Amino acid sequence: MKVLVVNCGSSSLKYQLIETKTSEVLAKGLVERIGLGEVEYSFTHGQKPKTKIGIQAKNHTEALKEVLGKLVSPDHGVLTSLDEIGAIGHRVVHGGESFYHSALITDEVIKAIEANGELAPLHNPPNLQGILACKEVLPSKKQVAVFDTAFHQTMPERSYMYALPYEYYEKYKIRRYGFHGTSHRYVAMKAAEFLGKPLESINLITCHLGNGSSITAIAGGKSMDTSMGFTPLEGVVMGTRSGSLDPAVLLYIMEKENLTPKQMSDLLNKKSGILGLSGISNDMREINDAADKGNHRAKLTLEVLVHSIRRYIGGYMVELGRVDAIVFTAGIGENDWVVREMCMANMENWGFVLDKEKNRTTRGTLTDISLSSSKGKILVVPTNEELMIALETQWVLEGKE
């Protein structure tokens, strides 16, 4: 089945056309600055070189029409007709407590996505714009919503409840939801396949480490705990996000600096984390380079990052009892051997022994980087959220999800 995977931001439309039978990406592209004047459209279709053009698109509907036109155009097309598109899969950030699985988009699902917009005001509304645009332009095509939060809806209450007055959960649904669920599910499936074992029979700790990072404890294919919480701000140190900290710190800084809630949110989400602590960058390549040259704050940032990751790995080892593999994925997890080596230091007593030579030469490929003597496996598994969305879209339509 050819699935058009759509991921809409407030002023962007990102897409891939994927053949699920072969996992081949037939076309991909990104429309940026929608509604902001000159709109930038870059795409790679088939084996043709990347193309960048300027287009007119006042909204997501007009942007989608441009995309579909290019998919069937004589010069750039990979389809002879839009009828070849079997379905459309959408990334939707927040499903709240409404969705434990991906869902065929109906009027009721649209209302639920809209209602959950309160929980993800920066993401759900533009995600919904993409759905409505596809409904208008391709009304006959079935659409599926794939939620970042759905995979984590198997967490037990002890994992997702906060120790706040219970009334706030009842009134506002304040709880831990978790994110990156599509990525965690995909790499868990790939890890099980690599190990030659049914996913239902193994326990994993999956470490999605990128500009945004989260760690998940997976037992028998199900999420039991995860580091991100009510928002993607909680958990490990990230590119520009602080991760978990004493909530009293927020109140103290707000009082001292006379900050509004909006200003505090910007500080925690956009000015903190690796960028804020290092004062250099949110790019770990630059942090590693600076640390190698003796920059103290860069070294400190690296140590704080790794410390925050190891705390979750250790906690999830206790929670799971038995861990068959620790999986590293996403930009840092797949490519930064320094972070992986520091994360796995002195883990021998817990049955994990890193092959340092393999670790240092592995970048972005599915690889076992543990020594043969290691009881537990240490894996690098490249994530592919777009392919996972395409597969889940097909499974929903086939009644397998």
Protein backbone atom coordinates (compact mmCIF):
# COMPACT_ATOMS: atom_id res chain seq x y z
CA MET A 1 0.00 0.00 0.00
CA LYS A 2 1.20 3.51 -0.80
CA VAL A 3 0.63 5.67 2.29
CA LEU A 4 1.04 9.44 2.32
CA VAL A 5 2.46 10.32 5.75
CA VAL A 6 1.70 13.91 6.79
CA ASN A 7 3.14 15.88 9.73
CA CYS A 8 1.86 19.46 9.97
CA GLY A 9 3.28 22.26 12.08
CA SER A 10 1.80 25.72 12.53
CA SER A 11 3.43 26.97 9.32
CA SER A 12 4.82 23.77 7.81
CA LEU A 13 3.78 20.57 6.06
CA LYS A 14 6.21 17.65 6.06
CA TYR A 15 5.41 14.51 4.09
CA GLN A 16 6.64 11.16 2.86
CA LEU A 17 5.03 8.80 0.38
CA ILE A 18 5.89 5.26 1.51
CA GLU A 19 5.30 1.87 -0.08
CA THR A 20 4.60 -0.25 3.00
CA LYS A 21 5.24 -3.54 1.20
CA THR A 22 8.91 -2.66 0.66
CA SER A 23 9.32 0.20 3.20
CA GLU A 24 10.56 2.31 0.28
CA VAL A 25 10.27 6.10 0.48
CA LEU A 26 8.95 7.06 -2.95
CA ALA A 27 8.89 10.80 -2.26
CA LYS A 28 9.42 13.24 0.59
CA GLY A 29 9.30 16.96 1.06
CA LEU A 30 8.80 19.95 3.32
CA VAL A 31 6.71 23.08 2.80
CA GLU A 32 7.75 25.90 5.16
CA ARG A 33 6.52 29.41 5.98
CA ILE A 34 2.92 28.60 5.05
CA GLY A 35 0.86 31.77 5.30
CA LEU A 36 3.94 33.93 5.89
CA GLY A 37 4.48 35.36 2.41
CA GLU A 38 7.05 33.59 0.25
CA VAL A 39 6.58 29.88 0.92
CA GLU A 40 9.59 27.54 0.63
CA TYR A 41 9.05 24.06 -0.79
CA SER A 42 11.86 21.50 -0.95
CA PHE A 43 11.36 17.91 -2.06
CA THR A 44 13.03 14.74 -3.27
CA HIS A 45 10.92 12.52 -5.51
CA GLY A 46 12.18 9.14 -6.65
CA GLN A 47 15.85 9.19 -7.67
CA LYS A 48 15.74 12.81 -8.77
CA PRO A 49 17.96 15.36 -6.99
CA LYS A 50 16.52 17.55 -4.25
CA THR A 51 14.54 20.50 -5.61
CA LYS A 52 13.81 23.81 -3.91
CA ILE A 53 11.17 26.20 -5.18
CA GLY A 54 9.06 29.11 -3.99
CA ILE A 55 5.29 28.71 -4.05
CA GLN A 56 2.17 30.57 -2.96
CA ALA A 57 0.27 28.93 -0.10
CA LYS A 58 -1.86 30.95 2.30
CA ASN A 59 -2.85 27.86 4.28
CA HIS A 60 -2.25 24.12 4.62
CA THR A 61 -4.92 23.29 2.06
CA GLU A 62 -3.14 25.29 -0.63
CA ALA A 63 0.20 23.77 0.41
CA LEU A 64 -1.24 20.26 0.14
CA LYS A 65 -2.56 20.99 -3.36
CA GLU A 66 0.97 22.01 -4.40
CA VAL A 67 2.39 18.78 -2.93
CA LEU A 68 -0.15 16.57 -4.65
CA GLY A 69 0.42 18.38 -7.91
CA LYS A 70 4.15 17.64 -7.74
CA LEU A 71 3.53 13.96 -6.89
CA VAL A 72 1.77 13.47 -10.25
CA SER A 73 3.58 16.10 -12.35
CA PRO A 74 5.40 15.01 -15.54
CA ASP A 75 8.68 16.55 -14.34
CA HIS A 76 8.74 15.52 -10.67
CA GLY A 77 5.98 12.97 -10.20
CA VAL A 78 6.25 9.44 -8.83
CA LEU A 79 2.56 8.65 -9.34
CA THR A 80 0.52 8.48 -12.51
CA SER A 81 -2.63 9.28 -10.53
CA LEU A 82 -3.58 10.27 -6.98
CA ASP A 83 -5.75 7.14 -6.98
CA GLU A 84 -2.54 5.23 -6.26
CA ILE A 85 -2.46 6.68 -2.74
CA GLY A 86 -4.03 3.99 -0.57
CA ALA A 87 -4.45 6.06 2.59
CA ILE A 88 -3.12 9.03 4.54
CA GLY A 89 -1.42 8.71 7.92
CA HIS A 90 -1.09 11.72 10.22
CA ARG A 91 1.23 12.30 13.12
CA VAL A 92 -0.86 13.70 15.97
CA VAL A 93 1.06 14.63 19.11
CA HIS A 94 -1.56 14.26 21.83
CA GLY A 95 -4.32 11.69 22.11
CA GLY A 96 -4.85 12.27 25.82
CA GLU A 97 -6.68 9.37 27.47
CA SER A 98 -8.92 9.02 24.43
CA PHE A 99 -6.66 6.83 22.30
CA TYR A 100 -4.75 3.67 23.20
CA HIS A 101 -4.10 2.94 19.52
CA SER A 102 -3.97 4.69 16.19
CA ALA A 103 -7.46 5.49 14.92
CA LEU A 104 -9.38 5.78 11.66
CA ILE A 105 -10.27 9.46 11.42
CA THR A 106 -13.98 10.15 11.83
CA ASP A 107 -15.90 13.23 12.93
CA GLU A 108 -15.74 11.90 16.51
CA VAL A 109 -11.96 11.44 16.31
CA ILE A 110 -11.58 14.97 14.95
CA LYS A 111 -13.58 16.31 17.92
CA ALA A 112 -11.36 14.36 20.33
CA ILE A 113 -8.16 15.69 18.72
CA GLU A 114 -9.57 19.19 18.98
CA ALA A 115 -10.48 18.67 22.65
CA ASN A 116 -6.99 17.35 23.42
CA GLY A 117 -5.60 20.55 21.90
CA GLU A 118 -5.64 22.01 25.40
CA LEU A 119 -2.95 19.49 26.35
CA ALA A 120 -0.78 20.24 23.28
CA PRO A 121 -1.73 23.75 22.09
CA LEU A 122 1.36 24.11 19.88
CA HIS A 123 0.92 20.75 18.13
CA ASN A 124 -2.63 19.37 17.98
CA PRO A 125 -4.19 22.41 16.22
CA PRO A 126 -1.74 22.32 13.28
CA ASN A 127 -1.94 18.50 13.20
CA LEU A 128 -5.69 18.93 12.86
CA GLN A 129 -5.23 21.52 10.10
CA GLY A 130 -3.41 18.86 8.08
CA ILE A 131 -6.24 16.38 8.61
CA LEU A 132 -8.88 18.90 7.53
CA ALA A 133 -6.83 19.92 4.49
CA CYS A 134 -6.58 16.28 3.36
CA LYS A 135 -10.29 15.81 3.99
CA GLU A 136 -11.03 18.78 1.73
CA VAL A 137 -8.58 17.97 -1.06
CA LEU A 138 -8.80 14.14 -1.00
CA PRO A 139 -12.27 13.48 0.45
CA SER A 140 -12.40 9.86 -0.75
CA LYS A 141 -9.15 8.82 0.98
CA LYS A 142 -9.23 7.14 4.37
CA GLN A 143 -7.13 8.87 6.99
CA VAL A 144 -5.56 7.51 10.17
CA ALA A 145 -4.31 9.44 13.21
CA VAL A 146 -1.15 8.03 14.82
CA PHE A 147 -0.67 9.51 18.29
CA ASP A 148 2.69 10.14 19.99
CA THR A 149 1.04 9.40 23.33
CA ALA A 150 -0.91 6.23 22.45
CA PHE A 151 1.94 3.75 23.00
CA HIS A 152 2.31 4.92 26.60
CA GLN A 153 -1.35 4.43 27.52
CA THR A 154 -0.44 0.96 28.83
CA MET A 155 1.43 2.52 31.77
CA PRO A 156 -0.02 1.53 35.17
CA GLU A 157 -1.48 4.25 37.37
CA ARG A 158 1.57 4.25 39.63
CA SER A 159 3.69 5.31 36.66
CA TYR A 160 1.50 8.09 35.29
CA MET A 161 -0.05 9.74 38.35
CA TYR A 162 1.51 12.80 39.99
CA ALA A 163 1.30 13.31 43.75
CA LEU A 164 -0.92 16.37 43.41
CA PRO A 165 -4.42 16.77 44.82
CA TYR A 166 -6.43 14.13 42.92
CA GLU A 167 -9.02 16.71 41.91
CA TYR A 168 -6.57 18.16 39.35
CA TYR A 169 -6.44 14.84 37.56
CA GLU A 170 -10.21 14.65 37.64
CA LYS A 171 -10.71 18.25 36.46
CA TYR A 172 -7.80 18.78 34.07
CA LYS A 173 -6.43 15.28 33.37
CA ILE A 174 -3.03 16.25 34.75
CA ARG A 175 -0.91 13.11 34.59
CA ARG A 176 2.13 11.72 32.79
CA TYR A 177 1.33 10.97 29.14
CA GLY A 178 4.73 10.39 27.57
CA PHE A 179 5.77 11.17 24.00
CA HIS A 180 7.92 9.75 21.16
CA GLY A 181 5.65 6.70 21.38
CA THR A 182 5.86 6.00 17.65
CA SER A 183 9.66 5.90 17.84
CA HIS A 184 9.78 3.76 20.98
CA ARG A 185 7.36 1.26 19.45
CA TYR A 186 9.28 1.08 16.18
CA VAL A 187 12.71 0.48 17.71
CA ALA A 188 11.26 -2.05 20.16
CA MET A 189 9.85 -4.03 17.22
CA LYS A 190 13.16 -3.81 15.35
CA ALA A 191 15.14 -4.83 18.44
CA ALA A 192 12.94 -7.90 18.95
CA GLU A 193 13.31 -8.80 15.29
CA PHE A 194 17.10 -8.40 15.53
CA LEU A 195 17.25 -10.57 18.65
CA GLY A 196 15.09 -13.21 16.99
CA LYS A 197 12.56 -13.21 19.83
CA PRO A 198 8.86 -12.33 20.07
CA LEU A 199 8.42 -8.77 21.34
CA GLU A 200 5.95 -10.12 23.90
CA SER A 201 8.73 -12.18 25.53
CA ILE A 202 11.39 -9.49 26.12
CA ASN A 203 12.00 -6.43 28.28
CA LEU A 204 13.72 -3.36 26.85
CA ILE A 205 14.89 0.09 27.83
CA THR A 206 14.64 2.31 24.76
CA CYS A 207 16.59 5.57 24.77
CA HIS A 208 15.35 8.10 22.19
CA LEU A 209 18.10 10.70 22.44
CA GLY A 210 17.91 13.74 20.17
CA ASN A 211 17.19 17.42 20.56
CA GLY A 212 14.14 16.11 22.39
CA SER A 213 14.81 12.96 24.41
CA SER A 214 12.85 10.34 26.29
CA ILE A 215 13.53 6.93 27.82
CA THR A 216 10.95 4.17 28.10
CA ALA A 217 10.71 0.92 30.06
CA ILE A 218 9.05 -1.71 27.85
CA ALA A 219 7.82 -5.04 29.20
CA GLY A 220 6.49 -7.56 26.70
CA GLY A 221 6.02 -4.93 24.02
CA LYS A 222 4.13 -2.53 26.28
CA SER A 223 5.23 0.77 27.78
CA MET A 224 5.42 0.49 31.56
CA ASP A 225 7.06 3.84 32.30
CA THR A 226 8.54 6.75 30.40
CA SER A 227 10.54 9.86 31.23
CA MET A 228 8.46 12.56 29.54
CA GLY A 229 5.36 13.60 31.43
CA PHE A 230 2.38 15.93 31.12
CA THR A 231 4.44 17.73 28.47
CA PRO A 232 7.68 16.88 26.62
CA LEU A 233 9.54 19.08 29.13
CA GLU A 234 9.89 16.46 31.85
CA GLY A 235 12.64 13.86 31.96
CA VAL A 236 16.27 13.87 30.83
CA VAL A 237 18.26 16.96 29.88
CA MET A 238 17.53 17.90 26.25
CA GLY A 239 18.76 20.28 23.57
CA THR A 240 16.98 23.38 24.81
CA ARG A 241 14.67 21.87 27.47
CA SER A 242 15.64 21.65 31.11
CA GLY A 243 14.24 18.22 31.82
CA SER A 244 13.10 17.43 35.36
CA LEU A 245 13.97 19.87 38.13
CA ASP A 246 12.72 21.00 41.53
CA PRO A 247 9.45 22.86 40.78
CA ALA A 248 10.32 25.38 43.49
CA VAL A 249 13.13 26.59 41.21
CA LEU A 250 10.51 27.89 38.78
CA LEU A 251 8.74 29.89 41.48
CA TYR A 252 12.02 31.28 42.79
CA ILE A 253 13.24 32.44 39.36
CA MET A 254 9.84 33.87 38.44
CA GLU A 255 9.82 35.94 41.61
CA LYS A 256 13.44 37.10 41.32
CA GLU A 257 13.26 37.91 37.60
CA ASN A 258 9.61 39.02 37.59
CA LEU A 259 8.78 36.55 34.80
CA THR A 260 5.34 35.75 33.44
CA PRO A 261 4.28 32.11 32.98
CA LYS A 262 4.88 32.54 29.21
CA GLN A 263 8.40 33.86 29.82
CA MET A 264 9.12 31.01 32.23
CA SER A 265 7.88 28.50 29.67
CA ASP A 266 10.19 29.99 27.03
CA LEU A 267 13.14 29.81 29.44
CA LEU A 268 12.50 26.14 30.27
CA ASN A 269 11.71 25.00 26.72
CA LYS A 270 13.93 27.16 24.52
CA LYS A 271 16.84 28.50 26.58
CA SER A 272 17.73 25.68 28.95
CA GLY A 273 19.08 22.14 28.60
CA ILE A 274 22.32 21.59 26.69
CA LEU A 275 22.18 25.11 25.24
CA GLY A 276 21.57 26.89 28.53
CA LEU A 277 24.07 24.93 30.59
CA SER A 278 26.89 25.03 28.04
CA GLY A 279 26.32 28.52 26.68
CA ILE A 280 27.63 27.11 23.39
CA SER A 281 24.99 25.22 21.43
CA ASN A 282 22.25 22.61 21.61
CA ASP A 283 24.22 20.49 19.11
CA MET A 284 26.14 17.70 20.83
CA ARG A 285 28.78 17.71 18.08
CA GLU A 286 29.77 21.21 19.12
CA ILE A 287 29.63 20.27 22.81
CA ASN A 288 31.92 17.26 22.26
CA ASP A 289 34.37 19.38 20.26
CA ALA A 290 34.48 22.03 22.97
CA ALA A 291 34.86 19.39 25.70
CA ASP A 292 37.80 17.84 23.81
CA LYS A 293 39.45 21.28 23.82
CA GLY A 294 39.09 21.57 27.59
CA ASN A 295 35.99 23.79 27.87
CA HIS A 296 34.74 23.25 31.42
CA ARG A 297 31.10 24.05 30.79
CA ALA A 298 31.02 21.75 27.78
CA LYS A 299 32.46 18.90 29.89
CA LEU A 300 29.97 19.68 32.65
CA THR A 301 27.07 19.68 30.19
CA LEU A 302 28.10 16.29 28.85
CA GLU A 303 28.35 14.88 32.37
CA VAL A 304 24.99 16.33 33.45
CA LEU A 305 23.31 14.97 30.31
CA VAL A 306 24.71 11.46 30.81
CA HIS A 307 23.91 11.52 34.53
CA SER A 308 20.27 12.32 33.78
CA ILE A 309 20.06 9.46 31.26
CA ARG A 310 21.72 6.92 33.56
CA ARG A 311 19.30 7.75 36.39
CA TYR A 312 16.39 6.64 34.21
CA ILE A 313 18.18 3.57 32.86
CA GLY A 314 19.02 2.48 36.40
CA GLY A 315 15.53 3.13 37.69
CA TYR A 316 13.95 1.19 34.85
CA MET A 317 16.30 -1.76 35.42
CA VAL A 318 14.88 -2.02 38.93
CA GLU A 319 11.33 -1.54 37.70
CA LEU A 320 11.57 -4.18 34.95
CA GLY A 321 13.58 -6.70 36.96
CA ARG A 322 15.05 -8.25 33.81
CA VAL A 323 16.33 -6.25 30.86
CA ASP A 324 17.15 -8.09 27.64
CA ALA A 325 18.49 -5.05 25.78
CA ILE A 326 19.17 -1.35 26.11
CA VAL A 327 18.42 0.41 22.83
CA PHE A 328 19.87 3.74 21.65
CA THR A 329 18.09 5.66 18.90
CA ALA A 330 17.50 9.14 17.37
CA GLY A 331 20.16 11.70 16.47
CA ILE A 332 22.38 11.47 19.56
CA GLY A 333 21.56 7.85 20.34
CA GLU A 334 22.41 6.67 16.83
CA ASN A 335 25.48 8.82 16.17
CA ASP A 336 27.18 9.98 19.38
CA TRP A 337 29.53 7.24 20.56
CA VAL A 338 30.80 9.41 23.42
CA VAL A 339 27.36 9.70 25.02
CA ARG A 340 26.71 5.96 24.53
CA GLU A 341 30.05 5.01 26.07
CA MET A 342 29.53 7.26 29.08
CA CYS A 343 25.97 5.99 29.55
CA MET A 344 27.12 2.36 29.61
CA ALA A 345 30.19 2.85 31.81
CA ASN A 346 30.54 0.43 34.75
CA MET A 347 27.41 -1.54 33.87
CA GLU A 348 29.17 -4.92 34.07
CA ASN A 349 27.58 -5.82 37.42
CA TRP A 350 24.15 -5.43 35.78
CA GLY A 351 25.11 -7.70 32.89
CA PHE A 352 25.85 -5.08 30.21
CA VAL A 353 29.35 -4.93 28.73
CA LEU A 354 30.05 -2.45 25.94
CA ASP A 355 32.31 -3.29 23.01
CA LYS A 356 34.11 0.05 22.85
CA GLU A 357 35.60 -0.56 19.43
CA LYS A 358 32.22 -1.37 17.87
CA ASN A 359 30.63 1.54 19.71
CA ARG A 360 33.15 4.05 18.36
CA THR A 361 32.71 2.94 14.75
CA THR A 362 28.91 2.65 14.74
CA ARG A 363 26.89 5.54 13.34
CA GLY A 364 23.26 5.28 12.33
CA THR A 365 23.13 1.55 11.56
CA LEU A 366 21.39 -1.29 13.40
CA THR A 367 24.25 -2.81 15.40
CA ASP A 368 24.88 -4.87 18.52
CA ILE A 369 27.58 -2.87 20.33
CA SER A 370 27.89 -5.21 23.31
CA LEU A 371 30.65 -7.77 23.82
CA SER A 372 29.81 -11.44 23.29
CA SER A 373 30.25 -11.90 27.06
CA SER A 374 27.49 -9.39 27.80
CA LYS A 375 24.36 -11.02 29.25
CA GLY A 376 22.21 -8.12 28.09
CA LYS A 377 22.47 -6.64 24.61
CA ILE A 378 23.32 -3.01 23.88
CA LEU A 379 21.82 -2.04 20.54
CA VAL A 380 21.86 0.94 18.21
CA VAL A 381 18.58 0.90 16.27
CA PRO A 382 17.86 3.74 13.82
CA THR A 383 14.34 5.02 14.29
CA ASN A 384 11.88 5.59 11.46
CA GLU A 385 8.76 7.30 12.74
CA GLU A 386 7.39 7.96 9.25
CA LEU A 387 7.55 4.28 8.34
CA MET A 388 5.91 3.39 11.64
CA ILE A 389 3.08 5.82 10.90
CA ALA A 390 2.65 4.27 7.44
CA LEU A 391 2.58 0.74 8.88
CA GLU A 392 0.13 1.68 11.63
CA THR A 393 -2.09 3.33 9.03
CA GLN A 394 -2.16 0.09 7.04
CA TRP A 395 -2.78 -2.00 10.16
CA VAL A 396 -5.74 0.15 11.18
CA LEU A 397 -7.32 -0.24 7.76
CA GLU A 398 -6.71 -4.00 7.89
CA GLY A 399 -8.17 -4.23 11.40
CA LYS A 400 -4.87 -5.36 12.94
CA GLU A 401 -4.26 -2.34 15.20
